[in-house]
Amino acid sequence: MSRIGKKPIAVPKGVSVKISEEAVEVQGPKGKVRQLIPPGLKFVQNDGELRAKTLRDDPELKKFHGLGRSLVANAVRGVTEGFKRELDIVGVGYRAEVKGRQIVFALGYSHPIVFEIPQGIDVAIDKQTHITVTGADRQLVGQVAANIRGLRKPDPYKQKGIRYTGEVLKKKQGKTGA
């Protein structure tokens, strides 16, 4: 059995958990997350905690045991605390602004780029160059942040583009005129 899979998941007060055959639904103050369970696993709830169990003693299920437990633990953490990713826009004239459920980017192209914000995700923009993506679903928050970063990846030569806050880029030399 997996060491991570054996750990219990504490369910805080104010969080309700519904367990079905193929998924676990977790609802809390930050929202609702439905997490699919890998095949061969089941979850048992008692005394304010969840435990992942394998349905049979098969070595192939060991890899799913820890995975399933981590996914459900992330869902519980997401509905209580939430997840956050921060991005910075670097470059002269590069900026972003929120208009309803859309973000309008000016990233040095000949036209503005419109990005639709998915349901369950909140985006805040500070000083037109700092983006904060928050939500209850860890996978969705990371995917939205990656999609935003993909609109203008950081350039290794001029260091311009959209990057994660704290991301360190290795600057390339470029051509020399000798």
N, C-alpha and C. Protein backbone atom coordinates (compact mmCIF):
# COMPACT_ATOMS: atom_id res chain seq x y z
N MET A 1 0.83 -1.19 0.00
CA MET A 1 0.00 0.00 0.00
C MET A 1 0.87 1.24 0.00
N SER A 2 0.31 2.31 -0.50
CA SER A 2 1.01 3.58 -0.57
C SER A 2 1.05 4.24 0.81
N ARG A 3 2.21 4.86 1.14
CA ARG A 3 2.31 5.58 2.41
C ARG A 3 1.39 6.79 2.42
N ILE A 4 1.32 7.49 1.30
CA ILE A 4 0.45 8.66 1.23
C ILE A 4 -1.02 8.22 1.24
N GLY A 5 -1.32 7.13 0.59
CA GLY A 5 -2.69 6.65 0.53
C GLY A 5 -3.24 6.23 1.88
N LYS A 6 -2.37 5.85 2.81
CA LYS A 6 -2.82 5.42 4.13
C LYS A 6 -3.20 6.59 5.04
N LYS A 7 -2.69 7.79 4.75
CA LYS A 7 -2.96 8.95 5.61
C LYS A 7 -4.43 9.32 5.56
N PRO A 8 -5.03 9.62 6.71
CA PRO A 8 -6.42 10.08 6.69
C PRO A 8 -6.50 11.55 6.26
N ILE A 9 -7.65 11.92 5.71
CA ILE A 9 -7.91 13.30 5.30
C ILE A 9 -8.87 13.90 6.32
N ALA A 10 -8.42 14.93 7.02
CA ALA A 10 -9.27 15.59 8.01
C ALA A 10 -10.32 16.43 7.29
N VAL A 11 -11.57 16.27 7.68
CA VAL A 11 -12.67 17.04 7.10
C VAL A 11 -13.06 18.11 8.12
N PRO A 12 -12.77 19.40 7.83
CA PRO A 12 -13.08 20.46 8.78
C PRO A 12 -14.59 20.69 8.92
N LYS A 13 -14.96 21.42 9.96
CA LYS A 13 -16.38 21.76 10.16
C LYS A 13 -16.83 22.69 9.04
N GLY A 14 -18.06 22.54 8.61
CA GLY A 14 -18.59 23.37 7.54
C GLY A 14 -18.36 22.78 6.16
N VAL A 15 -17.73 21.60 6.10
CA VAL A 15 -17.47 20.94 4.82
C VAL A 15 -18.30 19.66 4.77
N SER A 16 -19.08 19.51 3.70
CA SER A 16 -19.87 18.29 3.54
C SER A 16 -19.29 17.45 2.41
N VAL A 17 -19.27 16.14 2.62
CA VAL A 17 -18.69 15.21 1.66
C VAL A 17 -19.74 14.19 1.26
N LYS A 18 -19.92 14.01 -0.05
CA LYS A 18 -20.80 12.97 -0.60
C LYS A 18 -19.93 11.99 -1.37
N ILE A 19 -20.01 10.73 -1.01
CA ILE A 19 -19.19 9.70 -1.66
C ILE A 19 -20.09 8.84 -2.53
N SER A 20 -19.70 8.70 -3.81
CA SER A 20 -20.40 7.78 -4.71
C SER A 20 -19.38 6.79 -5.26
N GLU A 21 -19.82 5.92 -6.15
CA GLU A 21 -18.93 4.89 -6.72
C GLU A 21 -17.74 5.48 -7.46
N GLU A 22 -18.00 6.50 -8.30
CA GLU A 22 -16.95 7.00 -9.18
C GLU A 22 -16.41 8.37 -8.81
N ALA A 23 -17.02 9.06 -7.83
CA ALA A 23 -16.56 10.41 -7.51
C ALA A 23 -16.83 10.76 -6.05
N VAL A 24 -16.12 11.79 -5.59
CA VAL A 24 -16.34 12.36 -4.26
C VAL A 24 -16.69 13.82 -4.47
N GLU A 25 -17.84 14.25 -3.93
CA GLU A 25 -18.25 15.65 -4.02
C GLU A 25 -18.00 16.31 -2.68
N VAL A 26 -17.24 17.40 -2.72
CA VAL A 26 -16.90 18.13 -1.51
C VAL A 26 -17.47 19.53 -1.64
N GLN A 27 -18.22 19.98 -0.62
CA GLN A 27 -18.81 21.30 -0.65
C GLN A 27 -18.43 22.03 0.63
N GLY A 28 -17.98 23.29 0.46
CA GLY A 28 -17.55 24.08 1.60
C GLY A 28 -17.79 25.56 1.36
N PRO A 29 -17.18 26.40 2.20
CA PRO A 29 -17.41 27.84 2.08
C PRO A 29 -16.89 28.46 0.78
N LYS A 30 -15.87 27.90 0.17
CA LYS A 30 -15.29 28.47 -1.06
C LYS A 30 -15.92 27.92 -2.33
N GLY A 31 -16.76 26.91 -2.22
CA GLY A 31 -17.40 26.37 -3.42
C GLY A 31 -17.61 24.87 -3.34
N LYS A 32 -17.79 24.28 -4.51
CA LYS A 32 -18.10 22.85 -4.61
C LYS A 32 -17.17 22.23 -5.64
N VAL A 33 -16.55 21.09 -5.30
CA VAL A 33 -15.64 20.40 -6.21
C VAL A 33 -16.07 18.94 -6.30
N ARG A 34 -16.17 18.45 -7.53
CA ARG A 34 -16.46 17.03 -7.76
C ARG A 34 -15.20 16.38 -8.29
N GLN A 35 -14.62 15.46 -7.51
CA GLN A 35 -13.36 14.83 -7.88
C GLN A 35 -13.61 13.37 -8.25
N LEU A 36 -13.23 12.99 -9.45
CA LEU A 36 -13.36 11.60 -9.88
C LEU A 36 -12.34 10.74 -9.16
N ILE A 37 -12.73 9.50 -8.85
CA ILE A 37 -11.86 8.56 -8.14
C ILE A 37 -11.27 7.59 -9.15
N PRO A 38 -9.96 7.29 -9.06
CA PRO A 38 -9.39 6.27 -9.95
C PRO A 38 -10.06 4.91 -9.71
N PRO A 39 -10.15 4.06 -10.75
CA PRO A 39 -10.81 2.76 -10.58
C PRO A 39 -10.06 1.89 -9.58
N GLY A 40 -10.82 1.12 -8.80
CA GLY A 40 -10.22 0.22 -7.82
C GLY A 40 -10.08 0.83 -6.44
N LEU A 41 -10.56 2.05 -6.25
CA LEU A 41 -10.50 2.72 -4.95
C LEU A 41 -11.89 3.04 -4.45
N LYS A 42 -12.00 3.12 -3.13
CA LYS A 42 -13.23 3.63 -2.52
C LYS A 42 -12.83 4.46 -1.31
N PHE A 43 -13.70 5.37 -0.92
CA PHE A 43 -13.45 6.23 0.23
C PHE A 43 -14.47 5.93 1.31
N VAL A 44 -13.99 5.95 2.57
CA VAL A 44 -14.83 5.69 3.73
C VAL A 44 -14.74 6.90 4.64
N GLN A 45 -15.90 7.38 5.11
CA GLN A 45 -15.92 8.54 6.00
C GLN A 45 -16.39 8.12 7.39
N ASN A 46 -15.59 8.46 8.42
CA ASN A 46 -16.02 8.24 9.80
C ASN A 46 -15.24 9.16 10.73
N ASP A 47 -15.89 9.63 11.78
CA ASP A 47 -15.29 10.49 12.81
C ASP A 47 -14.59 11.71 12.23
N GLY A 48 -15.19 12.37 11.26
CA GLY A 48 -14.64 13.61 10.72
C GLY A 48 -13.39 13.44 9.87
N GLU A 49 -13.19 12.25 9.32
CA GLU A 49 -12.05 12.07 8.42
C GLU A 49 -12.39 11.08 7.32
N LEU A 50 -11.69 11.22 6.20
CA LEU A 50 -11.85 10.33 5.04
C LEU A 50 -10.64 9.43 4.93
N ARG A 51 -10.87 8.19 4.52
CA ARG A 51 -9.76 7.27 4.28
C ARG A 51 -9.95 6.61 2.91
N ALA A 52 -8.83 6.47 2.19
CA ALA A 52 -8.85 5.80 0.90
C ALA A 52 -8.55 4.32 1.10
N LYS A 53 -9.33 3.47 0.48
CA LYS A 53 -9.15 2.01 0.58
C LYS A 53 -9.10 1.42 -0.82
N THR A 54 -8.26 0.40 -1.00
CA THR A 54 -8.25 -0.31 -2.27
C THR A 54 -9.30 -1.41 -2.21
N LEU A 55 -9.93 -1.70 -3.34
CA LEU A 55 -10.99 -2.70 -3.36
C LEU A 55 -10.45 -4.13 -3.32
N ARG A 56 -9.24 -4.33 -3.84
CA ARG A 56 -8.63 -5.65 -3.82
C ARG A 56 -7.12 -5.50 -3.62
N ASP A 57 -6.48 -6.59 -3.29
CA ASP A 57 -5.04 -6.56 -3.01
C ASP A 57 -4.26 -6.79 -4.30
N ASP A 58 -4.18 -5.77 -5.13
CA ASP A 58 -3.53 -5.87 -6.43
C ASP A 58 -2.37 -4.88 -6.47
N PRO A 59 -1.16 -5.31 -6.85
CA PRO A 59 -0.02 -4.38 -6.91
C PRO A 59 -0.23 -3.23 -7.89
N GLU A 60 -1.07 -3.42 -8.90
CA GLU A 60 -1.35 -2.36 -9.87
C GLU A 60 -2.13 -1.19 -9.24
N LEU A 61 -2.84 -1.44 -8.14
CA LEU A 61 -3.64 -0.40 -7.50
C LEU A 61 -2.81 0.49 -6.58
N LYS A 62 -1.57 0.10 -6.28
CA LYS A 62 -0.74 0.90 -5.37
C LYS A 62 -0.53 2.31 -5.88
N LYS A 63 -0.30 2.44 -7.18
CA LYS A 63 -0.05 3.77 -7.75
C LYS A 63 -1.28 4.66 -7.69
N PHE A 64 -2.47 4.08 -7.75
CA PHE A 64 -3.69 4.86 -7.70
C PHE A 64 -4.11 5.21 -6.28
N HIS A 65 -3.62 4.45 -5.31
CA HIS A 65 -4.00 4.67 -3.92
C HIS A 65 -3.57 6.06 -3.44
N GLY A 66 -2.30 6.39 -3.61
CA GLY A 66 -1.80 7.70 -3.21
C GLY A 66 -2.36 8.82 -4.07
N LEU A 67 -2.53 8.56 -5.37
CA LEU A 67 -3.08 9.56 -6.29
C LEU A 67 -4.49 9.94 -5.89
N GLY A 68 -5.34 8.94 -5.67
CA GLY A 68 -6.73 9.20 -5.31
C GLY A 68 -6.85 9.97 -4.01
N ARG A 69 -6.04 9.60 -3.02
CA ARG A 69 -6.06 10.29 -1.74
C ARG A 69 -5.62 11.74 -1.90
N SER A 70 -4.57 11.99 -2.70
CA SER A 70 -4.08 13.36 -2.91
C SER A 70 -5.12 14.22 -3.63
N LEU A 71 -5.80 13.66 -4.62
CA LEU A 71 -6.80 14.42 -5.36
C LEU A 71 -7.97 14.84 -4.45
N VAL A 72 -8.42 13.92 -3.60
CA VAL A 72 -9.53 14.25 -2.70
C VAL A 72 -9.06 15.22 -1.61
N ALA A 73 -7.82 15.07 -1.13
CA ALA A 73 -7.29 16.00 -0.13
C ALA A 73 -7.19 17.41 -0.72
N ASN A 74 -6.81 17.52 -1.99
CA ASN A 74 -6.76 18.83 -2.65
C ASN A 74 -8.16 19.42 -2.79
N ALA A 75 -9.16 18.58 -3.03
CA ALA A 75 -10.53 19.07 -3.13
C ALA A 75 -11.00 19.62 -1.78
N VAL A 76 -10.68 18.91 -0.70
CA VAL A 76 -11.07 19.37 0.65
C VAL A 76 -10.36 20.69 0.97
N ARG A 77 -9.07 20.76 0.67
CA ARG A 77 -8.32 21.99 0.92
C ARG A 77 -8.83 23.14 0.05
N GLY A 78 -9.23 22.84 -1.17
CA GLY A 78 -9.71 23.87 -2.08
C GLY A 78 -11.01 24.52 -1.62
N VAL A 79 -11.94 23.74 -1.09
CA VAL A 79 -13.22 24.31 -0.66
C VAL A 79 -13.11 25.01 0.69
N THR A 80 -12.01 24.80 1.43
CA THR A 80 -11.83 25.50 2.70
C THR A 80 -10.92 26.71 2.54
N GLU A 81 -9.75 26.54 1.93
CA GLU A 81 -8.77 27.62 1.80
C GLU A 81 -8.75 28.22 0.39
N GLY A 82 -8.91 27.40 -0.61
CA GLY A 82 -8.80 27.84 -2.00
C GLY A 82 -7.35 27.77 -2.48
N PHE A 83 -7.16 27.90 -3.79
CA PHE A 83 -5.82 27.87 -4.38
C PHE A 83 -5.59 29.16 -5.15
N LYS A 84 -4.31 29.54 -5.28
CA LYS A 84 -3.97 30.81 -5.90
C LYS A 84 -2.70 30.66 -6.71
N ARG A 85 -2.70 31.27 -7.91
CA ARG A 85 -1.50 31.38 -8.75
C ARG A 85 -1.35 32.84 -9.13
N GLU A 86 -0.11 33.33 -9.10
CA GLU A 86 0.14 34.73 -9.43
C GLU A 86 1.05 34.81 -10.65
N LEU A 87 0.74 35.76 -11.54
CA LEU A 87 1.53 35.98 -12.75
C LEU A 87 1.89 37.45 -12.85
N ASP A 88 3.02 37.73 -13.49
CA ASP A 88 3.46 39.10 -13.74
C ASP A 88 3.58 39.31 -15.24
N ILE A 89 3.19 40.49 -15.69
CA ILE A 89 3.34 40.88 -17.09
C ILE A 89 4.52 41.84 -17.16
N VAL A 90 5.54 41.48 -17.96
CA VAL A 90 6.75 42.28 -18.07
C VAL A 90 6.91 42.73 -19.52
N GLY A 91 7.07 44.02 -19.74
CA GLY A 91 7.28 44.56 -21.08
C GLY A 91 6.66 45.93 -21.22
N VAL A 92 7.27 46.77 -22.02
CA VAL A 92 6.78 48.13 -22.22
C VAL A 92 5.46 48.06 -23.01
N GLY A 93 4.41 48.64 -22.44
CA GLY A 93 3.11 48.66 -23.09
C GLY A 93 2.29 47.40 -22.89
N TYR A 94 2.82 46.39 -22.19
CA TYR A 94 2.07 45.17 -21.92
C TYR A 94 1.19 45.42 -20.70
N ARG A 95 -0.11 45.09 -20.82
CA ARG A 95 -1.02 45.30 -19.70
C ARG A 95 -2.26 44.41 -19.88
N ALA A 96 -3.07 44.38 -18.81
CA ALA A 96 -4.30 43.60 -18.83
C ALA A 96 -5.36 44.32 -18.01
N GLU A 97 -6.62 44.07 -18.37
CA GLU A 97 -7.73 44.61 -17.58
C GLU A 97 -8.91 43.65 -17.67
N VAL A 98 -9.69 43.62 -16.58
CA VAL A 98 -10.85 42.75 -16.51
C VAL A 98 -12.09 43.52 -16.95
N LYS A 99 -12.86 42.91 -17.86
CA LYS A 99 -14.14 43.47 -18.31
C LYS A 99 -15.19 42.37 -18.20
N GLY A 100 -15.94 42.39 -17.11
CA GLY A 100 -16.95 41.35 -16.88
C GLY A 100 -16.28 40.02 -16.61
N ARG A 101 -16.61 39.00 -17.42
CA ARG A 101 -16.00 37.67 -17.29
C ARG A 101 -14.92 37.46 -18.35
N GLN A 102 -14.27 38.56 -18.77
CA GLN A 102 -13.20 38.49 -19.77
C GLN A 102 -12.01 39.30 -19.30
N ILE A 103 -10.82 38.91 -19.75
CA ILE A 103 -9.62 39.69 -19.53
C ILE A 103 -9.16 40.15 -20.91
N VAL A 104 -8.86 41.43 -21.03
CA VAL A 104 -8.37 42.00 -22.29
C VAL A 104 -6.89 42.31 -22.10
N PHE A 105 -6.05 41.66 -22.92
CA PHE A 105 -4.61 41.82 -22.84
C PHE A 105 -4.10 42.67 -24.00
N ALA A 106 -3.12 43.52 -23.71
CA ALA A 106 -2.34 44.21 -24.74
C ALA A 106 -0.91 43.68 -24.57
N LEU A 107 -0.49 42.80 -25.49
CA LEU A 107 0.78 42.10 -25.32
C LEU A 107 1.75 42.33 -26.48
N GLY A 108 1.64 43.47 -27.15
CA GLY A 108 2.57 43.78 -28.21
C GLY A 108 2.15 43.26 -29.58
N TYR A 109 1.00 42.63 -29.66
CA TYR A 109 0.49 42.19 -30.95
C TYR A 109 -0.29 43.34 -31.58
N SER A 110 -0.71 43.18 -32.82
CA SER A 110 -1.43 44.25 -33.51
C SER A 110 -2.87 44.38 -33.03
N HIS A 111 -3.34 43.46 -32.21
CA HIS A 111 -4.72 43.46 -31.74
C HIS A 111 -4.76 43.08 -30.26
N PRO A 112 -5.80 43.48 -29.54
CA PRO A 112 -5.93 43.03 -28.15
C PRO A 112 -6.37 41.57 -28.11
N ILE A 113 -5.95 40.86 -27.08
CA ILE A 113 -6.30 39.45 -26.91
C ILE A 113 -7.37 39.36 -25.82
N VAL A 114 -8.49 38.70 -26.11
CA VAL A 114 -9.58 38.54 -25.15
C VAL A 114 -9.54 37.12 -24.62
N PHE A 115 -9.49 36.98 -23.29
CA PHE A 115 -9.42 35.68 -22.63
C PHE A 115 -10.68 35.52 -21.78
N GLU A 116 -11.44 34.44 -22.02
CA GLU A 116 -12.66 34.16 -21.26
C GLU A 116 -12.29 33.50 -19.93
N ILE A 117 -12.86 33.99 -18.83
CA ILE A 117 -12.61 33.42 -17.50
C ILE A 117 -13.62 32.30 -17.28
N PRO A 118 -13.16 31.07 -17.01
CA PRO A 118 -14.09 29.95 -16.80
C PRO A 118 -14.87 30.07 -15.48
N GLN A 119 -15.97 29.33 -15.39
CA GLN A 119 -16.76 29.29 -14.16
C GLN A 119 -15.92 28.72 -13.03
N GLY A 120 -16.07 29.26 -11.83
CA GLY A 120 -15.35 28.76 -10.66
C GLY A 120 -13.99 29.39 -10.46
N ILE A 121 -13.60 30.30 -11.35
CA ILE A 121 -12.30 30.97 -11.26
C ILE A 121 -12.52 32.47 -11.09
N ASP A 122 -11.74 33.08 -10.19
CA ASP A 122 -11.76 34.53 -10.02
C ASP A 122 -10.40 35.06 -10.39
N VAL A 123 -10.39 36.19 -11.10
CA VAL A 123 -9.14 36.82 -11.52
C VAL A 123 -9.14 38.26 -11.03
N ALA A 124 -8.03 38.64 -10.38
CA ALA A 124 -7.85 40.03 -9.94
C ALA A 124 -6.57 40.56 -10.59
N ILE A 125 -6.62 41.83 -11.02
CA ILE A 125 -5.46 42.44 -11.66
C ILE A 125 -5.08 43.69 -10.89
N ASP A 126 -3.82 43.76 -10.45
CA ASP A 126 -3.29 44.93 -9.74
C ASP A 126 -2.33 45.67 -10.65
N LYS A 127 -2.47 46.98 -10.72
CA LYS A 127 -1.56 47.86 -11.47
C LYS A 127 -1.40 47.44 -12.93
N GLN A 128 -2.36 46.75 -13.50
CA GLN A 128 -2.40 46.31 -14.90
C GLN A 128 -1.32 45.30 -15.27
N THR A 129 -0.44 44.93 -14.33
CA THR A 129 0.65 44.00 -14.68
C THR A 129 0.78 42.83 -13.72
N HIS A 130 -0.03 42.74 -12.69
CA HIS A 130 0.05 41.62 -11.75
C HIS A 130 -1.31 40.92 -11.71
N ILE A 131 -1.34 39.64 -12.10
CA ILE A 131 -2.58 38.87 -12.21
C ILE A 131 -2.61 37.82 -11.10
N THR A 132 -3.75 37.73 -10.40
CA THR A 132 -3.94 36.70 -9.38
C THR A 132 -5.13 35.84 -9.79
N VAL A 133 -4.88 34.54 -9.96
CA VAL A 133 -5.92 33.59 -10.34
C VAL A 133 -6.26 32.76 -9.11
N THR A 134 -7.53 32.77 -8.67
CA THR A 134 -7.94 32.02 -7.48
C THR A 134 -9.14 31.15 -7.80
N GLY A 135 -9.29 30.07 -7.03
CA GLY A 135 -10.42 29.17 -7.20
C GLY A 135 -10.33 28.00 -6.25
N ALA A 136 -11.36 27.15 -6.24
CA ALA A 136 -11.41 26.01 -5.35
C ALA A 136 -10.78 24.76 -5.96
N ASP A 137 -10.77 24.66 -7.31
CA ASP A 137 -10.25 23.48 -7.99
C ASP A 137 -8.79 23.72 -8.38
N ARG A 138 -7.89 22.95 -7.77
CA ARG A 138 -6.45 23.15 -7.98
C ARG A 138 -6.06 22.96 -9.44
N GLN A 139 -6.60 21.94 -10.09
CA GLN A 139 -6.25 21.66 -11.47
C GLN A 139 -6.72 22.79 -12.40
N LEU A 140 -7.90 23.31 -12.16
CA LEU A 140 -8.45 24.37 -13.00
C LEU A 140 -7.68 25.68 -12.81
N VAL A 141 -7.30 25.99 -11.58
CA VAL A 141 -6.52 27.21 -11.32
C VAL A 141 -5.18 27.13 -12.05
N GLY A 142 -4.50 25.99 -11.96
CA GLY A 142 -3.22 25.82 -12.64
C GLY A 142 -3.35 25.87 -14.15
N GLN A 143 -4.42 25.29 -14.69
CA GLN A 143 -4.61 25.28 -16.14
C GLN A 143 -4.91 26.68 -16.68
N VAL A 144 -5.73 27.44 -15.95
CA VAL A 144 -6.04 28.81 -16.38
C VAL A 144 -4.78 29.66 -16.34
N ALA A 145 -3.97 29.52 -15.28
CA ALA A 145 -2.72 30.27 -15.18
C ALA A 145 -1.77 29.90 -16.32
N ALA A 146 -1.71 28.62 -16.67
CA ALA A 146 -0.85 28.17 -17.77
C ALA A 146 -1.36 28.70 -19.11
N ASN A 147 -2.68 28.76 -19.29
CA ASN A 147 -3.25 29.29 -20.53
C ASN A 147 -2.95 30.78 -20.67
N ILE A 148 -3.04 31.51 -19.56
CA ILE A 148 -2.72 32.94 -19.60
C ILE A 148 -1.25 33.13 -19.92
N ARG A 149 -0.39 32.35 -19.29
CA ARG A 149 1.06 32.44 -19.55
C ARG A 149 1.37 32.12 -21.00
N GLY A 150 0.62 31.19 -21.59
CA GLY A 150 0.84 30.78 -22.97
C GLY A 150 0.49 31.85 -24.00
N LEU A 151 -0.25 32.88 -23.59
CA LEU A 151 -0.59 33.95 -24.53
C LEU A 151 0.65 34.71 -24.98
N ARG A 152 1.64 34.86 -24.09
CA ARG A 152 2.91 35.50 -24.43
C ARG A 152 3.96 34.95 -23.48
N LYS A 153 4.56 33.82 -23.86
CA LYS A 153 5.57 33.18 -23.02
C LYS A 153 6.77 34.10 -22.83
N PRO A 154 7.47 33.99 -21.71
CA PRO A 154 8.63 34.86 -21.48
C PRO A 154 9.71 34.64 -22.53
N ASP A 155 10.22 35.73 -23.06
CA ASP A 155 11.26 35.70 -24.07
C ASP A 155 12.62 35.56 -23.40
N PRO A 156 13.44 34.57 -23.77
CA PRO A 156 14.73 34.39 -23.11
C PRO A 156 15.76 35.46 -23.48
N TYR A 157 15.51 36.23 -24.51
CA TYR A 157 16.46 37.25 -24.94
C TYR A 157 16.18 38.61 -24.30
N LYS A 158 14.93 39.06 -24.36
CA LYS A 158 14.60 40.39 -23.84
C LYS A 158 13.87 40.34 -22.50
N GLN A 159 13.56 39.13 -22.01
CA GLN A 159 12.91 38.93 -20.71
C GLN A 159 11.49 39.50 -20.66
N LYS A 160 10.82 39.64 -21.81
CA LYS A 160 9.47 40.18 -21.86
C LYS A 160 8.47 39.03 -21.94
N GLY A 161 7.25 39.30 -21.49
CA GLY A 161 6.18 38.31 -21.59
C GLY A 161 5.46 38.14 -20.27
N ILE A 162 4.66 37.07 -20.17
CA ILE A 162 3.91 36.77 -18.95
C ILE A 162 4.63 35.62 -18.26
N ARG A 163 4.93 35.80 -16.97
CA ARG A 163 5.63 34.76 -16.21
C ARG A 163 4.99 34.61 -14.84
N TYR A 164 5.20 33.44 -14.24
CA TYR A 164 4.74 33.22 -12.88
C TYR A 164 5.54 34.11 -11.94
N THR A 165 4.92 34.58 -10.88
CA THR A 165 5.62 35.42 -9.90
C THR A 165 6.71 34.57 -9.25
N GLY A 166 7.92 35.08 -9.28
CA GLY A 166 9.06 34.36 -8.71
C GLY A 166 9.78 33.46 -9.70
N GLU A 167 9.27 33.33 -10.91
CA GLU A 167 9.92 32.50 -11.93
C GLU A 167 11.22 33.17 -12.38
N VAL A 168 12.30 32.42 -12.37
CA VAL A 168 13.60 32.95 -12.77
C VAL A 168 13.90 32.47 -14.17
N LEU A 169 14.21 33.41 -15.07
CA LEU A 169 14.52 33.06 -16.45
C LEU A 169 16.02 33.12 -16.66
N LYS A 170 16.51 32.20 -17.46
CA LYS A 170 17.92 32.21 -17.82
C LYS A 170 18.05 33.07 -19.07
N LYS A 171 18.74 34.19 -18.93
CA LYS A 171 18.86 35.12 -20.04
C LYS A 171 19.89 34.62 -21.05
N LYS A 172 19.51 34.64 -22.33
CA LYS A 172 20.43 34.22 -23.40
C LYS A 172 21.20 35.42 -23.91
N GLN A 173 22.39 35.17 -24.42
CA GLN A 173 23.28 36.22 -24.84
C GLN A 173 22.80 36.94 -26.10
N GLY A 174 22.37 36.22 -27.09
CA GLY A 174 22.01 36.82 -28.36
C GLY A 174 23.22 36.88 -29.27
N LYS A 175 23.03 37.42 -30.47
CA LYS A 175 24.13 37.49 -31.44
C LYS A 175 25.06 38.65 -31.11
N THR A 176 26.33 38.45 -31.37
CA THR A 176 27.31 39.53 -31.20
C THR A 176 27.68 40.05 -32.58
N GLY A 177 27.99 41.32 -32.68
CA GLY A 177 28.25 41.93 -33.98
C GLY A 177 29.73 41.85 -34.41
N ALA A 178 30.48 40.88 -33.89
CA ALA A 178 31.93 40.81 -34.20
C ALA A 178 32.20 40.14 -35.50
